[in-house]
Amino acid sequence: MKADDTAAQEIYIAELMTEQELLENLRRNPFVLAPMAGITDRPFRSFMREMGCGIVVSELVSATGLKFSSAKTLKLMEFDSTQHPVGIQLFGENFEHLTDAAKMVEQMGADFVDLNFGCPVPKVVNKGAGSACLKDLTRLRDVIRAAKSGIQIPLTIKIRTGWDAHTRNSHEVLQVAADEGVTWVAIHGRTRAAAYTGLADWDYIREVKAQAKVPVLGNGDIVTARQAVGRLQTSACDAVMIGRGCLKNPRIFREALALRAEVQSENVPLEKIVSRLCDHLEGFYDERLTLIQMRKFASWYSSGFPGAAAFRKEIFQLHERSETLDRIHGFFAELNEVAQSDTSHEAFLMGGHG
């Protein structure tokens, strides 16, 4: 390495975000974007930052995929300068791969590494990753050590309350996290066995937080700004993670911040918001994928508005890009001050998101 390269490396290391700086960001804005598979890609994270989100986290990234330089895996990790603080969420069963992946996250300039111990999907669990680690806390500890060994930036983890209702062990997991120097633990209030059925157990999250030696982020079933602020207060968590809530209401982060500060939230028209999301997607995806993503988000955002079911059916039957985008923009432009009803029970909003 040349002398000037060494100097550049020293400057880069000096600029790495410290744990204290990351937690200060969390205190300023405790409404965090939950990592969601197939959702929290680069354009969506940038969009959510514009919409008032505090800290953002990527969808889960395979450490083994990075080891073999998968182009698809690398694309999941992309971010831009507007997203800081930004974390990259990793999962994997191979310790060497996890160490190398964490180093890569730091080298690319992300602010923290997040480890996934909550994913309930069989293809992840069957390899001993995700929520499978909740059954073996020695292995969970070793995964943390493997990722943490090669980095200076903070390391966080996201868990579920346990493997099933009979083995909830968040207290023990948080003790491991404290012992290993984890910066915070995000808890989704369901077990792995529950997947996304039933309700998140916020009473349990509150109990865990009361005894925790590390900061705790609560997660699960937050679909309105009032719920976000309420859960933050009643659980005494350091922050809350919002997933599906922002798939129905992209204004939820701004509204939560305003409600917490007891000020009036700016009521940006949905048509303008949808147009801005389209701008982000078009800057990242080709025409085909942009259209796929716009249909998906438009379907979620339309939930609870008059004519939503017919609108969703229509946009998936249209094939021309201009025709489809015109219909999407037209639908939201017509809403004006129309109220959005509660559709949090609808099945298509209850998939594996957040």
Protein backbone atom coordinates (compact mmCIF):
# COMPACT_ATOMS: atom_id res chain seq x y z
CA MET A 1 0.00 0.00 0.00
CA LYS A 2 1.32 3.43 -0.95
CA ALA A 3 1.80 6.16 1.66
CA ASP A 4 -1.07 8.24 0.30
CA ASP A 5 -3.30 5.13 0.29
CA THR A 6 -2.46 4.58 3.96
CA ALA A 7 -3.41 8.17 4.77
CA ALA A 8 -6.67 7.79 2.93
CA GLN A 9 -7.42 4.59 4.85
CA GLU A 10 -6.71 6.33 8.18
CA ILE A 11 -9.08 9.16 7.24
CA TYR A 12 -11.75 6.64 6.27
CA ILE A 13 -11.44 4.77 9.56
CA ALA A 14 -11.59 8.03 11.52
CA GLU A 15 -14.91 8.80 9.84
CA LEU A 16 -16.56 5.50 10.80
CA MET A 17 -19.69 6.04 12.85
CA THR A 18 -19.20 5.29 16.53
CA GLU A 19 -21.71 3.52 18.73
CA GLN A 20 -22.36 6.77 20.59
CA GLU A 21 -23.08 8.62 17.33
CA LEU A 22 -25.44 5.88 16.15
CA LEU A 23 -27.37 5.91 19.42
CA GLU A 24 -27.57 9.71 19.30
CA ASN A 25 -29.21 9.41 15.89
CA LEU A 26 -31.64 6.92 17.42
CA ARG A 27 -32.54 9.34 20.19
CA ARG A 28 -33.18 12.17 17.73
CA ASN A 29 -35.50 10.07 15.61
CA PRO A 30 -36.66 6.82 17.27
CA PHE A 31 -38.78 5.68 14.29
CA VAL A 32 -36.69 3.13 12.38
CA LEU A 33 -37.43 1.42 9.07
CA ALA A 34 -37.66 -2.33 9.64
CA PRO A 35 -35.70 -4.54 7.25
CA MET A 36 -38.15 -6.24 4.87
CA ALA A 37 -37.27 -8.85 2.26
CA GLY A 38 -38.08 -7.64 -1.23
CA ILE A 39 -38.95 -4.15 0.06
CA THR A 40 -36.11 -2.22 1.70
CA ASP A 41 -33.89 -1.88 -1.34
CA ARG A 42 -31.84 1.22 -2.13
CA PRO A 43 -34.61 3.32 -3.74
CA PHE A 44 -37.15 2.52 -1.02
CA ARG A 45 -34.71 3.36 1.78
CA SER A 46 -33.92 6.73 0.16
CA PHE A 47 -37.64 7.36 -0.29
CA MET A 48 -38.39 6.55 3.34
CA ARG A 49 -35.61 8.88 4.51
CA GLU A 50 -37.33 11.67 2.57
CA MET A 51 -40.57 10.67 4.26
CA GLY A 52 -39.16 11.21 7.76
CA CYS A 53 -37.66 7.85 8.69
CA GLY A 54 -34.71 7.95 11.07
CA ILE A 55 -32.37 4.99 10.64
CA VAL A 56 -32.75 2.56 7.74
CA VAL A 57 -31.73 -1.09 7.40
CA SER A 58 -31.37 -3.18 4.24
CA GLU A 59 -33.26 -6.36 3.59
CA LEU A 60 -31.43 -9.48 4.73
CA VAL A 61 -28.26 -10.25 2.80
CA SER A 62 -26.63 -13.67 2.57
CA ALA A 63 -23.07 -13.71 3.87
CA THR A 64 -22.39 -16.75 1.69
CA GLY A 65 -23.83 -14.95 -1.33
CA LEU A 66 -21.32 -12.17 -0.73
CA LYS A 67 -18.51 -14.69 -0.40
CA PHE A 68 -19.18 -15.86 -3.93
CA SER A 69 -19.67 -12.31 -5.25
CA SER A 70 -23.29 -12.77 -6.24
CA ALA A 71 -24.29 -9.70 -8.27
CA LYS A 72 -27.86 -9.98 -7.00
CA THR A 73 -26.65 -10.08 -3.39
CA LEU A 74 -24.34 -7.10 -3.88
CA LYS A 75 -27.22 -5.09 -5.34
CA LEU A 76 -29.21 -5.61 -2.13
CA MET A 77 -26.47 -3.76 -0.23
CA GLU A 78 -26.35 -0.62 -2.35
CA PHE A 79 -27.11 2.69 -0.67
CA ASP A 80 -26.57 6.38 -1.32
CA SER A 81 -25.34 9.26 0.84
CA THR A 82 -28.87 10.38 1.80
CA GLN A 83 -29.47 7.19 3.77
CA HIS A 84 -26.98 7.63 6.62
CA PRO A 85 -27.22 6.19 9.19
CA VAL A 86 -27.73 2.98 7.21
CA GLY A 87 -27.20 -0.60 8.31
CA ILE A 88 -26.80 -3.76 6.24
CA GLN A 89 -28.53 -6.83 7.63
CA LEU A 90 -26.63 -10.11 7.28
CA PHE A 91 -27.53 -13.73 7.84
CA GLY A 92 -25.61 -16.94 7.41
CA GLU A 93 -24.41 -20.15 8.99
CA ASN A 94 -20.73 -20.04 8.02
CA PHE A 95 -18.59 -18.08 10.51
CA GLU A 96 -15.83 -17.26 8.04
CA HIS A 97 -18.34 -15.96 5.53
CA LEU A 98 -19.98 -13.81 8.21
CA THR A 99 -16.65 -12.28 9.23
CA ASP A 100 -15.77 -11.45 5.63
CA ALA A 101 -19.26 -10.11 4.92
CA ALA A 102 -19.18 -7.81 7.94
CA LYS A 103 -15.79 -6.48 6.82
CA MET A 104 -17.25 -5.80 3.38
CA VAL A 105 -20.16 -3.88 4.91
CA GLU A 106 -17.72 -1.67 6.82
CA GLN A 107 -15.47 -1.16 3.80
CA MET A 108 -18.36 -0.02 1.61
CA GLY A 109 -19.14 2.74 4.13
CA ALA A 110 -22.27 1.50 5.90
CA ASP A 111 -22.72 2.72 9.47
CA PHE A 112 -23.49 -0.57 11.21
CA VAL A 113 -23.95 -4.29 10.66
CA ASP A 114 -27.26 -5.85 11.69
CA LEU A 115 -27.52 -9.61 12.24
CA ASN A 116 -30.77 -11.41 11.50
CA PHE A 117 -31.86 -13.84 14.20
CA GLY A 118 -35.55 -13.48 13.45
CA CYS A 119 -36.24 -14.68 9.93
CA PRO A 120 -38.77 -17.57 10.12
CA VAL A 121 -38.48 -18.67 6.47
CA PRO A 122 -37.62 -22.39 6.19
CA LYS A 123 -34.86 -21.95 3.57
CA VAL A 124 -33.01 -19.73 6.09
CA VAL A 125 -33.91 -21.62 9.27
CA ASN A 126 -33.13 -25.06 7.86
CA LYS A 127 -29.51 -23.97 7.37
CA GLY A 128 -29.22 -23.00 11.03
CA ALA A 129 -29.50 -19.25 10.39
CA GLY A 130 -32.17 -16.66 11.19
CA SER A 131 -34.45 -17.57 14.08
CA ALA A 132 -32.90 -21.07 14.30
CA CYS A 133 -30.12 -19.48 16.38
CA LEU A 134 -32.67 -18.72 19.11
CA LYS A 135 -32.65 -22.44 19.93
CA ASP A 136 -28.88 -22.45 20.49
CA LEU A 137 -27.54 -19.42 22.34
CA THR A 138 -23.97 -20.68 22.15
CA ARG A 139 -24.24 -20.63 18.38
CA LEU A 140 -25.96 -17.23 18.49
CA ARG A 141 -23.03 -15.91 20.53
CA ASP A 142 -20.53 -17.37 18.07
CA VAL A 143 -22.33 -15.78 15.11
CA ILE A 144 -22.14 -12.41 16.86
CA ARG A 145 -18.45 -12.92 17.58
CA ALA A 146 -17.73 -13.93 13.99
CA ALA A 147 -19.36 -10.81 12.56
CA LYS A 148 -17.97 -8.47 15.19
CA SER A 149 -14.40 -9.75 14.99
CA GLY A 150 -13.61 -7.99 11.73
CA ILE A 151 -15.28 -4.59 12.17
CA GLN A 152 -15.02 -1.35 14.10
CA ILE A 153 -18.51 -0.08 13.30
CA PRO A 154 -21.40 -0.97 15.63
CA LEU A 155 -23.14 -4.33 15.42
CA THR A 156 -26.86 -4.73 16.15
CA ILE A 157 -29.18 -7.74 16.10
CA LYS A 158 -32.85 -8.39 15.36
CA ILE A 159 -34.62 -11.29 17.05
CA ARG A 160 -38.00 -12.81 17.74
CA THR A 161 -39.31 -13.47 21.24
CA GLY A 162 -38.25 -17.11 20.94
CA TRP A 163 -38.57 -20.24 18.83
CA ASP A 164 -42.10 -20.98 20.07
CA ALA A 165 -44.45 -20.04 22.90
CA HIS A 166 -42.80 -22.55 25.25
CA THR A 167 -39.23 -21.36 24.68
CA ARG A 168 -39.38 -17.56 24.70
CA ASN A 169 -35.89 -16.48 25.74
CA SER A 170 -35.35 -12.82 24.90
CA HIS A 171 -34.00 -12.12 28.40
CA GLU A 172 -31.22 -14.66 27.85
CA VAL A 173 -30.54 -13.42 24.30
CA LEU A 174 -30.19 -9.85 25.54
CA GLN A 175 -27.72 -10.98 28.19
CA VAL A 176 -25.59 -12.57 25.46
CA ALA A 177 -25.91 -9.37 23.43
CA ALA A 178 -24.77 -7.26 26.38
CA ASP A 179 -21.82 -9.56 27.07
CA GLU A 180 -20.72 -9.41 23.42
CA GLY A 181 -20.92 -5.63 23.01
CA VAL A 182 -23.98 -5.47 20.75
CA THR A 183 -25.20 -1.88 20.30
CA TRP A 184 -28.94 -2.64 20.35
CA VAL A 185 -31.42 -5.49 20.05
CA ALA A 186 -34.58 -5.14 17.97
CA ILE A 187 -37.34 -7.51 19.11
CA HIS A 188 -40.19 -8.58 16.86
CA GLY A 189 -42.99 -9.48 19.26
CA ARG A 190 -43.78 -12.91 17.84
CA THR A 191 -42.12 -16.31 18.08
CA ARG A 192 -40.72 -18.10 15.05
CA ALA A 193 -43.60 -20.59 15.25
CA ALA A 194 -46.15 -17.77 15.06
CA ALA A 195 -44.60 -16.42 11.85
CA TYR A 196 -46.85 -13.42 11.10
CA THR A 197 -50.06 -14.73 12.64
CA GLY A 198 -51.75 -13.40 15.78
CA LEU A 199 -50.62 -10.20 17.47
CA ALA A 200 -47.17 -9.02 18.49
CA ASP A 201 -46.73 -9.35 22.26
CA TRP A 202 -45.80 -5.85 23.39
CA ASP A 203 -46.29 -6.75 27.06
CA TYR A 204 -43.42 -9.20 26.71
CA ILE A 205 -41.30 -6.61 24.88
CA ARG A 206 -41.91 -4.19 27.76
CA GLU A 207 -40.87 -6.83 30.32
CA VAL A 208 -37.67 -7.55 28.42
CA LYS A 209 -36.86 -3.86 28.05
CA ALA A 210 -37.32 -3.28 31.78
CA GLN A 211 -34.44 -5.68 32.54
CA ALA A 212 -32.29 -5.04 29.47
CA LYS A 213 -28.66 -3.94 29.71
CA VAL A 214 -28.61 -2.82 26.05
CA PRO A 215 -30.94 -0.49 24.12
CA VAL A 216 -34.08 -2.21 22.81
CA LEU A 217 -36.11 -1.50 19.68
CA GLY A 218 -39.69 -2.82 19.65
CA ASN A 219 -41.25 -4.15 16.45
CA GLY A 220 -44.56 -5.62 15.37
CA ASP A 221 -48.03 -4.48 14.25
CA ILE A 222 -47.32 -0.75 14.16
CA VAL A 223 -49.56 0.49 11.35
CA THR A 224 -50.41 4.05 12.45
CA ALA A 225 -48.43 7.01 13.76
CA ARG A 226 -50.48 6.97 16.95
CA GLN A 227 -49.53 3.34 17.54
CA ALA A 228 -45.87 4.16 16.89
CA VAL A 229 -45.80 6.92 19.49
CA GLY A 230 -47.94 4.93 21.89
CA ARG A 231 -45.73 1.84 21.72
CA LEU A 232 -42.63 3.97 22.17
CA GLN A 233 -44.08 5.43 25.36
CA THR A 234 -45.76 2.39 26.94
CA SER A 235 -42.95 -0.08 26.21
CA ALA A 236 -40.20 2.36 27.28
CA CYS A 237 -38.20 1.05 24.29
CA ASP A 238 -35.41 3.23 22.95
CA ALA A 239 -37.04 3.18 19.51
CA VAL A 240 -39.65 1.35 17.46
CA MET A 241 -39.27 -0.33 14.08
CA ILE A 242 -41.99 0.18 11.50
CA GLY A 243 -42.45 -2.29 8.67
CA ARG A 244 -45.89 -3.00 7.21
CA GLY A 245 -47.20 0.31 8.52
CA CYS A 246 -45.22 2.23 5.91
CA LEU A 247 -46.50 -0.08 3.17
CA LYS A 248 -50.01 1.17 3.82
CA ASN A 249 -49.19 4.74 4.80
CA PRO A 250 -45.94 6.20 3.45
CA ARG A 251 -46.51 9.28 5.65
CA ILE A 252 -46.32 7.28 8.89
CA PHE A 253 -42.80 8.39 9.87
CA ARG A 254 -43.52 12.11 9.36
CA GLU A 255 -46.82 11.76 11.21
CA ALA A 256 -45.17 9.94 14.12
CA LEU A 257 -42.47 12.60 14.44
CA ALA A 258 -45.07 15.37 14.39
CA LEU A 259 -47.29 13.61 16.92
CA ARG A 260 -44.34 13.04 19.26
CA ALA A 261 -43.38 16.72 18.98
CA GLU A 262 -47.04 17.75 19.35
CA VAL A 263 -47.03 19.72 16.09
CA GLN A 264 -49.15 19.49 12.96
CA SER A 265 -47.85 17.11 10.30
CA GLU A 266 -47.52 18.40 6.76
CA ASN A 267 -50.24 16.77 4.65
CA VAL A 268 -48.39 16.01 1.43
CA PRO A 269 -50.81 14.75 -1.28
CA LEU A 270 -50.50 11.03 -1.92
CA GLU A 271 -50.21 11.60 -5.67
CA LYS A 272 -47.07 13.67 -5.09
CA ILE A 273 -45.66 11.00 -2.75
CA VAL A 274 -46.31 8.22 -5.27
CA SER A 275 -44.63 10.28 -8.00
CA ARG A 276 -41.58 10.74 -5.81
CA LEU A 277 -41.34 6.99 -5.17
CA CYS A 278 -41.51 6.44 -8.93
CA ASP A 279 -38.57 8.83 -9.39
CA HIS A 280 -36.46 6.79 -6.97
CA LEU A 281 -37.38 3.48 -8.61
CA GLU A 282 -36.65 4.75 -12.11
CA GLY A 283 -33.20 5.82 -11.00
CA PHE A 284 -32.36 2.28 -9.88
CA TYR A 285 -34.37 -0.26 -11.89
CA ASP A 286 -35.00 -0.81 -15.58
CA GLU A 287 -38.44 -0.10 -17.05
CA ARG A 288 -39.83 -3.60 -16.40
CA LEU A 289 -38.80 -3.78 -12.75
CA THR A 290 -39.89 -0.20 -12.09
CA LEU A 291 -43.36 -1.09 -13.32
CA ILE A 292 -43.47 -4.23 -11.17
CA GLN A 293 -42.47 -2.24 -8.08
CA MET A 294 -44.92 0.57 -8.79
CA ARG A 295 -47.81 -1.89 -9.12
CA LYS A 296 -46.81 -3.47 -5.82
CA PHE A 297 -46.53 -0.23 -3.84
CA ALA A 298 -49.61 1.32 -5.45
CA SER A 299 -51.59 -1.75 -4.37
CA TRP A 300 -50.48 -1.34 -0.78
CA TYR A 301 -50.97 2.43 -0.67
CA SER A 302 -54.49 2.12 -2.11
CA SER A 303 -55.58 -0.12 0.74
CA GLY A 304 -58.53 1.36 2.61
CA PHE A 305 -59.51 3.88 -0.04
CA PRO A 306 -62.77 3.73 -2.04
CA GLY A 307 -62.41 1.66 -5.21
CA ALA A 308 -59.08 0.14 -4.10
CA ALA A 309 -59.95 -3.47 -5.02
CA ALA A 310 -61.01 -2.54 -8.56
CA PHE A 311 -57.94 -0.30 -8.91
CA ARG A 312 -55.56 -3.09 -7.89
CA LYS A 313 -57.15 -5.48 -10.36
CA GLU A 314 -56.96 -2.91 -13.14
CA ILE A 315 -53.29 -1.99 -12.81
CA PHE A 316 -52.25 -5.64 -12.94
CA GLN A 317 -54.19 -6.08 -16.18
CA LEU A 318 -52.60 -3.10 -17.92
CA HIS A 319 -49.39 -3.82 -19.81
CA GLU A 320 -48.20 -0.54 -21.25
CA ARG A 321 -45.89 1.45 -18.94
CA SER A 322 -47.38 4.87 -19.68
CA GLU A 323 -50.94 3.63 -19.36
CA THR A 324 -50.24 1.88 -16.04
CA LEU A 325 -48.39 4.83 -14.48
CA ASP A 326 -51.07 7.26 -15.66
CA ARG A 327 -53.74 5.12 -13.98
CA ILE A 328 -51.71 4.91 -10.77
CA HIS A 329 -51.11 8.65 -10.62
CA GLY A 330 -54.72 9.35 -11.57
CA PHE A 331 -56.12 7.16 -8.79
CA PHE A 332 -54.15 8.91 -6.06
CA ALA A 333 -54.73 12.38 -7.54
CA GLU A 334 -58.49 11.84 -7.21
CA LEU A 335 -58.34 11.03 -3.49
CA ASN A 336 -57.73 14.55 -2.18
CA GLU A 337 -58.93 14.46 1.45
CA VAL A 338 -60.63 11.06 1.28
CA ALA A 339 -60.13 9.13 4.53
CA GLN A 340 -58.27 5.81 4.53
CA SER A 341 -60.10 3.10 6.46
CA ASP A 342 -58.40 0.51 8.67
CA THR A 343 -57.38 -2.51 6.59
CA SER A 344 -54.60 -3.85 8.84
CA HIS A 345 -56.46 -7.18 8.93
CA GLU A 346 -56.26 -7.72 5.19
CA ALA A 347 -54.24 -10.77 4.21
CA PHE A 348 -52.11 -9.10 1.54
CA LEU A 349 -50.74 -6.72 4.17
CA MET A 350 -49.97 -9.59 6.55
CA GLY A 351 -47.16 -11.21 4.58
CA GLY A 352 -43.62 -11.50 5.88
CA HIS A 353 -42.91 -7.82 6.18
CA GLY A 354 -41.68 -6.09 9.34
